[in-house]
Structure formats: C-alpha cells, structure tokens
Amino acid sequence: MVKLRIHIFIQGIVQGVGFRYHLRRVALSNSVNGWVRNLPDGRVEAVLEGEEEAVRKVLAWCRRGPSLAKVDSVVFFEEPYKGEFKTFEIR
C-alpha cells in the first residue's frame, strides 16, 4: 500500500461551522492521522497522512466540508510521507 502525506489549505466559510471537528471525525474514521487548525486569515490548514486511498477520500470530503460550511477553494501539496502522527488532532 502506498502511503501519502498532503498539506491542505481550505478557504471559504470554514471557521465557526465545525469544520475542524468534522474533519477530525472523517479522518479518524478513515484511519488518517495528522492535524487541523484555524488560521488568522480565515482559512483552515491541515496535514493528512495515511494510505493513499484513505487520504484522497478525506481530501474529497474537504472539498465539501460540513453542511454549514461553504468551501470556495482547496489548495494542497503532496509532501514526503513521514509517519510522524499517531492520531488526528485539532490544534
């Protein structure tokens, strides 16, 4: 199985709508580890690590977000897999 790490920036109405909590739930249910945090400029930033298929599923969810969110754009970069996370945390 191929391991993947991606660094994501999500823009739109993504703060104050439960985005980080829903993303944590979706990531953990797909065995994806990493972290998510709000940025001062209104975006959400996240790092995801895990099996490629699972990470891509979580990335696809990020393009939709929870029902109260309005995602305008998702920018992501693949990075070398490090395996540094044991769970998914909200920062």
PDB file of N, CA and C in Angstrom:
ATOM      1  N   MET A   1       0.836  -1.196   0.000  1.00  0.00           N
ATOM      2  CA  MET A   1       0.000   0.000   0.000  1.00  0.00           C
ATOM      3  C   MET A   1       0.877   1.255   0.000  1.00  0.00           C
ATOM      4  N   VAL A   2       0.461   2.227  -0.775  1.00  0.00           N
ATOM      5  CA  VAL A   2       1.200   3.480  -0.890  1.00  0.00           C
ATOM      6  C   VAL A   2       0.759   4.434   0.212  1.00  0.00           C
ATOM      7  N   LYS A   3       1.728   5.003   0.902  1.00  0.00           N
ATOM      8  CA  LYS A   3       1.441   5.994   1.948  1.00  0.00           C
ATOM      9  C   LYS A   3       1.538   7.385   1.342  1.00  0.00           C
ATOM     10  N   LEU A   4       0.706   8.295   1.843  1.00  0.00           N
ATOM     11  CA  LEU A   4       0.639   9.641   1.287  1.00  0.00           C
ATOM     12  C   LEU A   4       0.541  10.661   2.410  1.00  0.00           C
ATOM     13  N   ARG A   5       1.162  11.813   2.186  1.00  0.00           N
ATOM     14  CA  ARG A   5       1.047  12.959   3.099  1.00  0.00           C
ATOM     15  C   ARG A   5       0.689  14.166   2.246  1.00  0.00           C
ATOM     16  N   ILE A   6      -0.353  14.882   2.664  1.00  0.00           N
ATOM     17  CA  ILE A   6      -0.710  16.115   1.971  1.00  0.00           C
ATOM     18  C   ILE A   6      -0.913  17.237   2.983  1.00  0.00           C
ATOM     19  N   HIS A   7      -0.587  18.434   2.545  1.00  0.00           N
ATOM     20  CA  HIS A   7      -0.736  19.663   3.332  1.00  0.00           C
ATOM     21  C   HIS A   7      -1.811  20.479   2.625  1.00  0.00           C
ATOM     22  N   ILE A   8      -2.882  20.822   3.346  1.00  0.00           N
ATOM     23  CA  ILE A   8      -4.076  21.414   2.738  1.00  0.00           C
ATOM     24  C   ILE A   8      -4.367  22.790   3.322  1.00  0.00           C
ATOM     25  N   PHE A   9      -4.845  23.680   2.458  1.00  0.00           N
ATOM     26  CA  PHE A   9      -5.368  24.981   2.873  1.00  0.00           C
ATOM     27  C   PHE A   9      -6.769  25.111   2.287  1.00  0.00           C
ATOM     28  N   ILE A  10      -7.769  25.319   3.153  1.00  0.00           N
ATOM     29  CA  ILE A  10      -9.171  25.373   2.742  1.00  0.00           C
ATOM     30  C   ILE A  10      -9.684  26.782   2.984  1.00  0.00           C
ATOM     31  N   GLN A  11     -10.278  27.370   1.952  1.00  0.00           N
ATOM     32  CA  GLN A  11     -10.758  28.751   2.034  1.00  0.00           C
ATOM     33  C   GLN A  11     -12.257  28.796   1.792  1.00  0.00           C
ATOM     34  N   GLY A  12     -12.915  29.755   2.433  1.00  0.00           N
ATOM     35  CA  GLY A  12     -14.357  29.947   2.301  1.00  0.00           C
ATOM     36  C   GLY A  12     -14.945  30.217   3.675  1.00  0.00           C
ATOM     37  N   ILE A  13     -16.194  29.838   3.850  1.00  0.00           N
ATOM     38  CA  ILE A  13     -16.812  29.910   5.178  1.00  0.00           C
ATOM     39  C   ILE A  13     -16.495  28.580   5.851  1.00  0.00           C
ATOM     40  N   VAL A  14     -15.331  28.545   6.495  1.00  0.00           N
ATOM     41  CA  VAL A  14     -14.823  27.291   7.047  1.00  0.00           C
ATOM     42  C   VAL A  14     -14.440  27.398   8.525  1.00  0.00           C
ATOM     43  N   GLN A  15     -14.618  28.575   9.115  1.00  0.00           N
ATOM     44  CA  GLN A  15     -14.396  28.732  10.549  1.00  0.00           C
ATOM     45  C   GLN A  15     -15.726  29.046  11.217  1.00  0.00           C
ATOM     46  N   GLY A  16     -15.917  28.501  12.426  1.00  0.00           N
ATOM     47  CA  GLY A  16     -17.162  28.716  13.156  1.00  0.00           C
ATOM     48  C   GLY A  16     -18.307  27.843  12.685  1.00  0.00           C
ATOM     49  N   VAL A  17     -17.984  26.824  11.873  1.00  0.00           N
ATOM     50  CA  VAL A  17     -19.026  25.937  11.334  1.00  0.00           C
ATOM     51  C   VAL A  17     -18.745  24.468  11.664  1.00  0.00           C
ATOM     52  N   GLY A  18     -17.788  24.224  12.566  1.00  0.00           N
ATOM     53  CA  GLY A  18     -17.471  22.854  12.972  1.00  0.00           C
ATOM     54  C   GLY A  18     -16.569  22.108  12.007  1.00  0.00           C
ATOM     55  N   PHE A  19     -15.903  22.828  11.114  1.00  0.00           N
ATOM     56  CA  PHE A  19     -15.084  22.177  10.087  1.00  0.00           C
ATOM     57  C   PHE A  19     -13.998  21.297  10.704  1.00  0.00           C
ATOM     58  N   ARG A  20     -13.256  21.838  11.675  1.00  0.00           N
ATOM     59  CA  ARG A  20     -12.153  21.074  12.270  1.00  0.00           C
ATOM     60  C   ARG A  20     -12.644  19.812  12.966  1.00  0.00           C
ATOM     61  N   TYR A  21     -13.761  19.901  13.675  1.00  0.00           N
ATOM     62  CA  TYR A  21     -14.280  18.744  14.409  1.00  0.00           C
ATOM     63  C   TYR A  21     -14.792  17.672  13.452  1.00  0.00           C
ATOM     64  N   HIS A  22     -15.468  18.094  12.401  1.00  0.00           N
ATOM     65  CA  HIS A  22     -15.940  17.136  11.400  1.00  0.00           C
ATOM     66  C   HIS A  22     -14.769  16.513  10.651  1.00  0.00           C
ATOM     67  N   LEU A  23     -13.768  17.328  10.314  1.00  0.00           N
ATOM     68  CA  LEU A  23     -12.599  16.789   9.614  1.00  0.00           C
ATOM     69  C   LEU A  23     -11.892  15.754  10.480  1.00  0.00           C
ATOM     70  N   ARG A  24     -11.766  16.009  11.763  1.00  0.00           N
ATOM     71  CA  ARG A  24     -11.142  15.031  12.665  1.00  0.00           C
ATOM     72  C   ARG A  24     -11.919  13.719  12.656  1.00  0.00           C
ATOM     73  N   ARG A  25     -13.244  13.808  12.726  1.00  0.00           N
ATOM     74  CA  ARG A  25     -14.077  12.594  12.714  1.00  0.00           C
ATOM     75  C   ARG A  25     -13.894  11.824  11.409  1.00  0.00           C
ATOM     76  N   VAL A  26     -13.930  12.535  10.277  1.00  0.00           N
ATOM     77  CA  VAL A  26     -13.780  11.894   8.963  1.00  0.00           C
ATOM     78  C   VAL A  26     -12.391  11.269   8.837  1.00  0.00           C
ATOM     79  N   ALA A  27     -11.368  11.988   9.275  1.00  0.00           N
ATOM     80  CA  ALA A  27     -10.001  11.462   9.193  1.00  0.00           C
ATOM     81  C   ALA A  27      -9.856  10.193  10.029  1.00  0.00           C
ATOM     82  N   LEU A  28     -10.300  10.239  11.276  1.00  0.00           N
ATOM     83  CA  LEU A  28     -10.164   9.075  12.146  1.00  0.00           C
ATOM     84  C   LEU A  28     -10.961   7.885  11.626  1.00  0.00           C
ATOM     85  N   SER A  29     -12.134   8.126  11.065  1.00  0.00           N
ATOM     86  CA  SER A  29     -12.941   7.016  10.540  1.00  0.00           C
ATOM     87  C   SER A  29     -12.304   6.390   9.300  1.00  0.00           C
ATOM     88  N   ASN A  30     -11.355   7.097   8.682  1.00  0.00           N
ATOM     89  CA  ASN A  30     -10.626   6.569   7.524  1.00  0.00           C
ATOM     90  C   ASN A  30      -9.186   6.184   7.874  1.00  0.00           C
ATOM     91  N   SER A  31      -8.874   6.127   9.165  1.00  0.00           N
ATOM     92  CA  SER A  31      -7.527   5.783   9.650  1.00  0.00           C
ATOM     93  C   SER A  31      -6.455   6.718   9.099  1.00  0.00           C
ATOM     94  N   VAL A  32      -6.805   7.997   9.007  1.00  0.00           N
ATOM     95  CA  VAL A  32      -5.868   9.028   8.555  1.00  0.00           C
ATOM     96  C   VAL A  32      -5.430   9.833   9.773  1.00  0.00           C
ATOM     97  N   ASN A  33      -4.141  10.045   9.903  1.00  0.00           N
ATOM     98  CA  ASN A  33      -3.581  10.800  11.021  1.00  0.00           C
ATOM     99  C   ASN A  33      -3.117  12.173  10.561  1.00  0.00           C
ATOM    100  N   GLY A  34      -2.885  13.068  11.532  1.00  0.00           N
ATOM    101  CA  GLY A  34      -2.394  14.402  11.213  1.00  0.00           C
ATOM    102  C   GLY A  34      -2.976  15.434  12.147  1.00  0.00           C
ATOM    103  N   TRP A  35      -3.219  16.627  11.607  1.00  0.00           N
ATOM    104  CA  TRP A  35      -3.756  17.718  12.424  1.00  0.00           C
ATOM    105  C   TRP A  35      -4.512  18.707  11.556  1.00  0.00           C
ATOM    106  N   VAL A  36      -5.311  19.553  12.244  1.00  0.00           N
ATOM    107  CA  VAL A  36      -6.059  20.625  11.580  1.00  0.00           C
ATOM    108  C   VAL A  36      -6.079  21.829  12.510  1.00  0.00           C
ATOM    109  N   ARG A  37      -6.046  23.026  11.925  1.00  0.00           N
ATOM    110  CA  ARG A  37      -6.121  24.246  12.737  1.00  0.00           C
ATOM    111  C   ARG A  37      -6.726  25.381  11.915  1.00  0.00           C
ATOM    112  N   ASN A  38      -7.291  26.354  12.638  1.00  0.00           N
ATOM    113  CA  ASN A  38      -7.761  27.592  12.017  1.00  0.00           C
ATOM    114  C   ASN A  38      -6.576  28.529  11.835  1.00  0.00           C
ATOM    115  N   LEU A  39      -6.587  29.292  10.753  1.00  0.00           N
ATOM    116  CA  LEU A  39      -5.573  30.315  10.519  1.00  0.00           C
ATOM    117  C   LEU A  39      -6.175  31.693  10.751  1.00  0.00           C
ATOM    118  N   PRO A  40      -5.358  32.671  11.133  1.00  0.00           N
ATOM    119  CA  PRO A  40      -5.877  34.023  11.396  1.00  0.00           C
ATOM    120  C   PRO A  40      -6.564  34.667  10.187  1.00  0.00           C
ATOM    121  N   ASP A  41      -6.211  34.241   8.979  1.00  0.00           N
ATOM    122  CA  ASP A  41      -6.806  34.842   7.777  1.00  0.00           C
ATOM    123  C   ASP A  41      -8.145  34.214   7.382  1.00  0.00           C
ATOM    124  N   GLY A  42      -8.674  33.304   8.224  1.00  0.00           N
ATOM    125  CA  GLY A  42      -9.984  32.709   7.966  1.00  0.00           C
ATOM    126  C   GLY A  42      -9.938  31.352   7.292  1.00  0.00           C
ATOM    127  N   ARG A  43      -8.766  30.920   6.859  1.00  0.00           N
ATOM    128  CA  ARG A  43      -8.646  29.599   6.239  1.00  0.00           C
ATOM    129  C   ARG A  43      -8.476  28.519   7.307  1.00  0.00           C
ATOM    130  N   VAL A  44      -8.622  27.278   6.873  1.00  0.00           N
ATOM    131  CA  VAL A  44      -8.308  26.115   7.694  1.00  0.00           C
ATOM    132  C   VAL A  44      -7.110  25.433   7.048  1.00  0.00           C
ATOM    133  N   GLU A  45      -6.153  25.035   7.878  1.00  0.00           N
ATOM    134  CA  GLU A  45      -4.955  24.336   7.413  1.00  0.00           C
ATOM    135  C   GLU A  45      -4.957  22.940   8.019  1.00  0.00           C
ATOM    136  N   ALA A  46      -4.531  21.945   7.248  1.00  0.00           N
ATOM    137  CA  ALA A  46      -4.475  20.579   7.758  1.00  0.00           C
ATOM    138  C   ALA A  46      -3.329  19.821   7.106  1.00  0.00           C
ATOM    139  N   VAL A  47      -2.835  18.828   7.819  1.00  0.00           N
ATOM    140  CA  VAL A  47      -1.877  17.867   7.280  1.00  0.00           C
ATOM    141  C   VAL A  47      -2.488  16.488   7.486  1.00  0.00           C
ATOM    142  N   LEU A  48      -2.530  15.695   6.420  1.00  0.00           N
ATOM    143  CA  LEU A  48      -3.102  14.353   6.457  1.00  0.00           C
ATOM    144  C   LEU A  48      -2.030  13.341   6.085  1.00  0.00           C
ATOM    145  N   GLU A  49      -1.975  12.228   6.806  1.00  0.00           N
ATOM    146  CA  GLU A  49      -1.068  11.131   6.484  1.00  0.00           C
ATOM    147  C   GLU A  49      -1.806   9.809   6.610  1.00  0.00           C
ATOM    148  N   GLY A  50      -1.532   8.908   5.674  1.00  0.00           N
ATOM    149  CA  GLY A  50      -2.117   7.581   5.738  1.00  0.00           C
ATOM    150  C   GLY A  50      -2.040   6.883   4.400  1.00  0.00           C
ATOM    151  N   GLU A  51      -2.832   5.822   4.270  1.00  0.00           N
ATOM    152  CA  GLU A  51      -2.907   5.113   2.993  1.00  0.00           C
ATOM    153  C   GLU A  51      -3.444   6.070   1.936  1.00  0.00           C
ATOM    154  N   GLU A  52      -2.879   5.998   0.735  1.00  0.00           N
ATOM    155  CA  GLU A  52      -3.229   6.951  -0.316  1.00  0.00           C
ATOM    156  C   GLU A  52      -4.736   7.049  -0.558  1.00  0.00           C
ATOM    157  N   GLU A  53      -5.409   5.916  -0.681  1.00  0.00           N
ATOM    158  CA  GLU A  53      -6.851   5.936  -0.959  1.00  0.00           C
ATOM    159  C   GLU A  53      -7.624   6.632   0.161  1.00  0.00           C
ATOM    160  N   ALA A  54      -7.250   6.361   1.406  1.00  0.00           N
ATOM    161  CA  ALA A  54      -7.932   6.969   2.552  1.00  0.00           C
ATOM    162  C   ALA A  54      -7.687   8.474   2.597  1.00  0.00           C
ATOM    163  N   VAL A  55      -6.452   8.893   2.357  1.00  0.00           N
ATOM    164  CA  VAL A  55      -6.132  10.322   2.366  1.00  0.00           C
ATOM    165  C   VAL A  55      -6.914  11.035   1.269  1.00  0.00           C
ATOM    166  N   ARG A  56      -7.014  10.424   0.105  1.00  0.00           N
ATOM    167  CA  ARG A  56      -7.756  11.053  -1.001  1.00  0.00           C
ATOM    168  C   ARG A  56      -9.255  11.145  -0.693  1.00  0.00           C
ATOM    169  N   LYS A  57      -9.792  10.180   0.053  1.00  0.00           N
ATOM    170  CA  LYS A  57     -11.196  10.254   0.486  1.00  0.00           C
ATOM    171  C   LYS A  57     -11.411  11.447   1.411  1.00  0.00           C
ATOM    172  N   VAL A  58     -10.492  11.644   2.348  1.00  0.00           N
ATOM    173  CA  VAL A  58     -10.605  12.769   3.280  1.00  0.00           C
ATOM    174  C   VAL A  58     -10.441  14.088   2.524  1.00  0.00           C
ATOM    175  N   LEU A  59      -9.524  14.127   1.576  1.00  0.00           N
ATOM    176  CA  LEU A  59      -9.351  15.323   0.748  1.00  0.00           C
ATOM    177  C   LEU A  59     -10.639  15.640  -0.011  1.00  0.00           C
ATOM    178  N   ALA A  60     -11.288  14.627  -0.558  1.00  0.00           N
ATOM    179  CA  ALA A  60     -12.558  14.838  -1.271  1.00  0.00           C
ATOM    180  C   ALA A  60     -13.607  15.411  -0.325  1.00  0.00           C
ATOM    181  N   TRP A  61     -13.650  14.922   0.915  1.00  0.00           N
ATOM    182  CA  TRP A  61     -14.589  15.473   1.895  1.00  0.00           C
ATOM    183  C   TRP A  61     -14.281  16.945   2.152  1.00  0.00           C
ATOM    184  N   CYS A  62     -12.996  17.302   2.219  1.00  0.00           N
ATOM    185  CA  CYS A  62     -12.602  18.698   2.475  1.00  0.00           C
ATOM    186  C   CYS A  62     -13.146  19.637   1.407  1.00  0.00           C
ATOM    187  N   ARG A  63     -13.327  19.150   0.208  1.00  0.00           N
ATOM    188  CA  ARG A  63     -13.864  19.989  -0.865  1.00  0.00           C
ATOM    189  C   ARG A  63     -15.339  20.323  -0.636  1.00  0.00           C
ATOM    190  N   ARG A  64     -16.024  19.504   0.163  1.00  0.00           N
ATOM    191  CA  ARG A  64     -17.434  19.743   0.504  1.00  0.00           C
ATOM    192  C   ARG A  64     -17.571  20.366   1.881  1.00  0.00           C
ATOM    193  N   GLY A  65     -16.908  19.757   2.857  1.00  0.00           N
ATOM    194  CA  GLY A  65     -16.985  20.216   4.234  1.00  0.00           C
ATOM    195  C   GLY A  65     -18.308  19.859   4.878  1.00  0.00           C
ATOM    196  N   PRO A  66     -18.501  20.274   6.133  1.00  0.00           N
ATOM    197  CA  PRO A  66     -19.770  20.015   6.820  1.00  0.00           C
ATOM    198  C   PRO A  66     -20.879  20.879   6.226  1.00  0.00           C
ATOM    199  N   SER A  67     -22.108  20.582   6.596  1.00  0.00           N
ATOM    200  CA  SER A  67     -23.269  21.234   5.965  1.00  0.00           C
ATOM    201  C   SER A  67     -23.291  22.747   6.127  1.00  0.00           C
ATOM    202  N   LEU A  68     -22.759  23.285   7.209  1.00  0.00           N
ATOM    203  CA  LEU A  68     -22.788  24.736   7.423  1.00  0.00           C
ATOM    204  C   LEU A  68     -21.641  25.473   6.729  1.00  0.00           C
ATOM    205  N   ALA A  69     -20.682  24.738   6.200  1.00  0.00           N
ATOM    206  CA  ALA A  69     -19.530  25.362   5.534  1.00  0.00           C
ATOM    207  C   ALA A  69     -19.847  25.667   4.075  1.00  0.00           C
ATOM    208  N   LYS A  70     -19.106  26.624   3.536  1.00  0.00           N
ATOM    209  CA  LYS A  70     -19.126  26.905   2.100  1.00  0.00           C
ATOM    210  C   LYS A  70     -17.669  26.972   1.655  1.00  0.00           C
ATOM    211  N   VAL A  71     -17.201  25.894   1.063  1.00  0.00           N
ATOM    212  CA  VAL A  71     -15.804  25.802   0.641  1.00  0.00           C
ATOM    213  C   VAL A  71     -15.655  26.472  -0.718  1.00  0.00           C
ATOM    214  N   ASP A  72     -14.786  27.482  -0.777  1.00  0.00           N
ATOM    215  CA  ASP A  72     -14.516  28.180  -2.035  1.00  0.00           C
ATOM    216  C   ASP A  72     -13.328  27.578  -2.771  1.00  0.00           C
ATOM    217  N   SER A  73     -12.301  27.182  -2.039  1.00  0.00           N
ATOM    218  CA  SER A  73     -11.139  26.578  -2.701  1.00  0.00           C
ATOM    219  C   SER A  73     -10.379  25.687  -1.729  1.00  0.00           C
ATOM    220  N   VAL A  74      -9.750  24.679  -2.301  1.00  0.00           N
ATOM    221  CA  VAL A  74      -8.875  23.779  -1.554  1.00  0.00           C
ATOM    222  C   VAL A  74      -7.558  23.707  -2.323  1.00  0.00           C
ATOM    223  N   VAL A  75      -6.493  24.134  -1.676  1.00  0.00           N
ATOM    224  CA  VAL A  75      -5.156  24.052  -2.260  1.00  0.00           C
ATOM    225  C   VAL A  75      -4.386  23.029  -1.442  1.00  0.00           C
ATOM    226  N   PHE A  76      -3.748  22.079  -2.125  1.00  0.00           N
ATOM    227  CA  PHE A  76      -2.991  21.080  -1.376  1.00  0.00           C
ATOM    228  C   PHE A  76      -1.682  20.757  -2.081  1.00  0.00           C
ATOM    229  N   PHE A  77      -0.742  20.321  -1.272  1.00  0.00           N
ATOM    230  CA  PHE A  77       0.581  19.954  -1.752  1.00  0.00           C
ATOM    231  C   PHE A  77       0.923  18.582  -1.202  1.00  0.00           C
ATOM    232  N   GLU A  78       1.412  17.696  -2.064  1.00  0.00           N
ATOM    233  CA  GLU A  78       1.917  16.418  -1.579  1.00  0.00           C
ATOM    234  C   GLU A  78       3.302  16.653  -1.000  1.00  0.00           C
ATOM    235  N   GLU A  79       3.563  16.011   0.125  1.00  0.00           N
ATOM    236  CA  GLU A  79       4.855  16.111   0.797  1.00  0.00           C
ATOM    237  C   GLU A  79       5.377  14.698   1.043  1.00  0.00           C
ATOM    238  N   PRO A  80       6.665  14.541   1.284  1.00  0.00           N
ATOM    239  CA  PRO A  80       7.190  13.209   1.596  1.00  0.00           C
ATOM    240  C   PRO A  80       6.506  12.644   2.848  1.00  0.00           C
ATOM    241  N   TYR A  81       6.065  11.392   2.768  1.00  0.00           N
ATOM    242  CA  TYR A  81       5.422  10.737   3.904  1.00  0.00           C
ATOM    243  C   TYR A  81       6.436  10.591   5.036  1.00  0.00           C
ATOM    244  N   LYS A  82       6.024  10.954   6.252  1.00  0.00           N
ATOM    245  CA  LYS A  82       6.913  10.877   7.414  1.00  0.00           C
ATOM    246  C   LYS A  82       6.432   9.884   8.464  1.00  0.00           C
ATOM    247  N   GLY A  83       5.135   9.614   8.527  1.00  0.00           N
ATOM    248  CA  GLY A  83       4.606   8.712   9.545  1.00  0.00           C
ATOM    249  C   GLY A  83       4.787   9.241  10.953  1.00  0.00           C
ATOM    250  N   GLU A  84       4.730  10.558  11.107  1.00  0.00           N
ATOM    251  CA  GLU A  84       5.031  11.164  12.406  1.00  0.00           C
ATOM    252  C   GLU A  84       3.837  11.279  13.342  1.00  0.00           C
ATOM    253  N   PHE A  85       2.638  10.994  12.877  1.00  0.00           N
ATOM    254  CA  PHE A  85       1.440  11.177  13.700  1.00  0.00           C
ATOM    255  C   PHE A  85       0.851   9.834  14.119  1.00  0.00           C
ATOM    256  N   LYS A  86       0.330   9.792  15.338  1.00  0.00           N
ATOM    257  CA  LYS A  86      -0.307   8.572  15.854  1.00  0.00           C
ATOM    258  C   LYS A  86      -1.824   8.700  15.887  1.00  0.00           C
ATOM    259  N   THR A  87      -2.328   9.911  15.717  1.00  0.00           N
ATOM    260  CA  THR A  87      -3.763  10.173  15.743  1.00  0.00           C
ATOM    261  C   THR A  87      -4.021  11.433  14.925  1.00  0.00           C
ATOM    262  N   PHE A  88      -5.239  11.950  15.003  1.00  0.00           N
ATOM    263  CA  PHE A  88      -5.575  13.195  14.308  1.00  0.00           C
ATOM    264  C   PHE A  88      -6.008  14.202  15.362  1.00  0.00           C
ATOM    265  N   GLU A  89      -5.326  15.330  15.412  1.00  0.00           N
ATOM    266  CA  GLU A  89      -5.613  16.300  16.469  1.00  0.00           C
ATOM    267  C   GLU A  89      -6.053  17.647  15.911  1.00  0.00           C
ATOM    268  N   ILE A  90      -6.813  18.343  16.736  1.00  0.00           N
ATOM    269  CA  ILE A  90      -7.212  19.721  16.448  1.00  0.00           C
ATOM    270  C   ILE A  90      -6.232  20.617  17.190  1.00  0.00           C
ATOM    271  N   ARG A  91      -5.608  21.508  16.464  1.00  0.00           N
ATOM    272  CA  ARG A  91      -4.617  22.413  17.083  1.00  0.00           C
ATOM    273  C   ARG A  91      -5.201  23.776  17.308  1.00  0.00           C
TER     274      ARG A  91
END
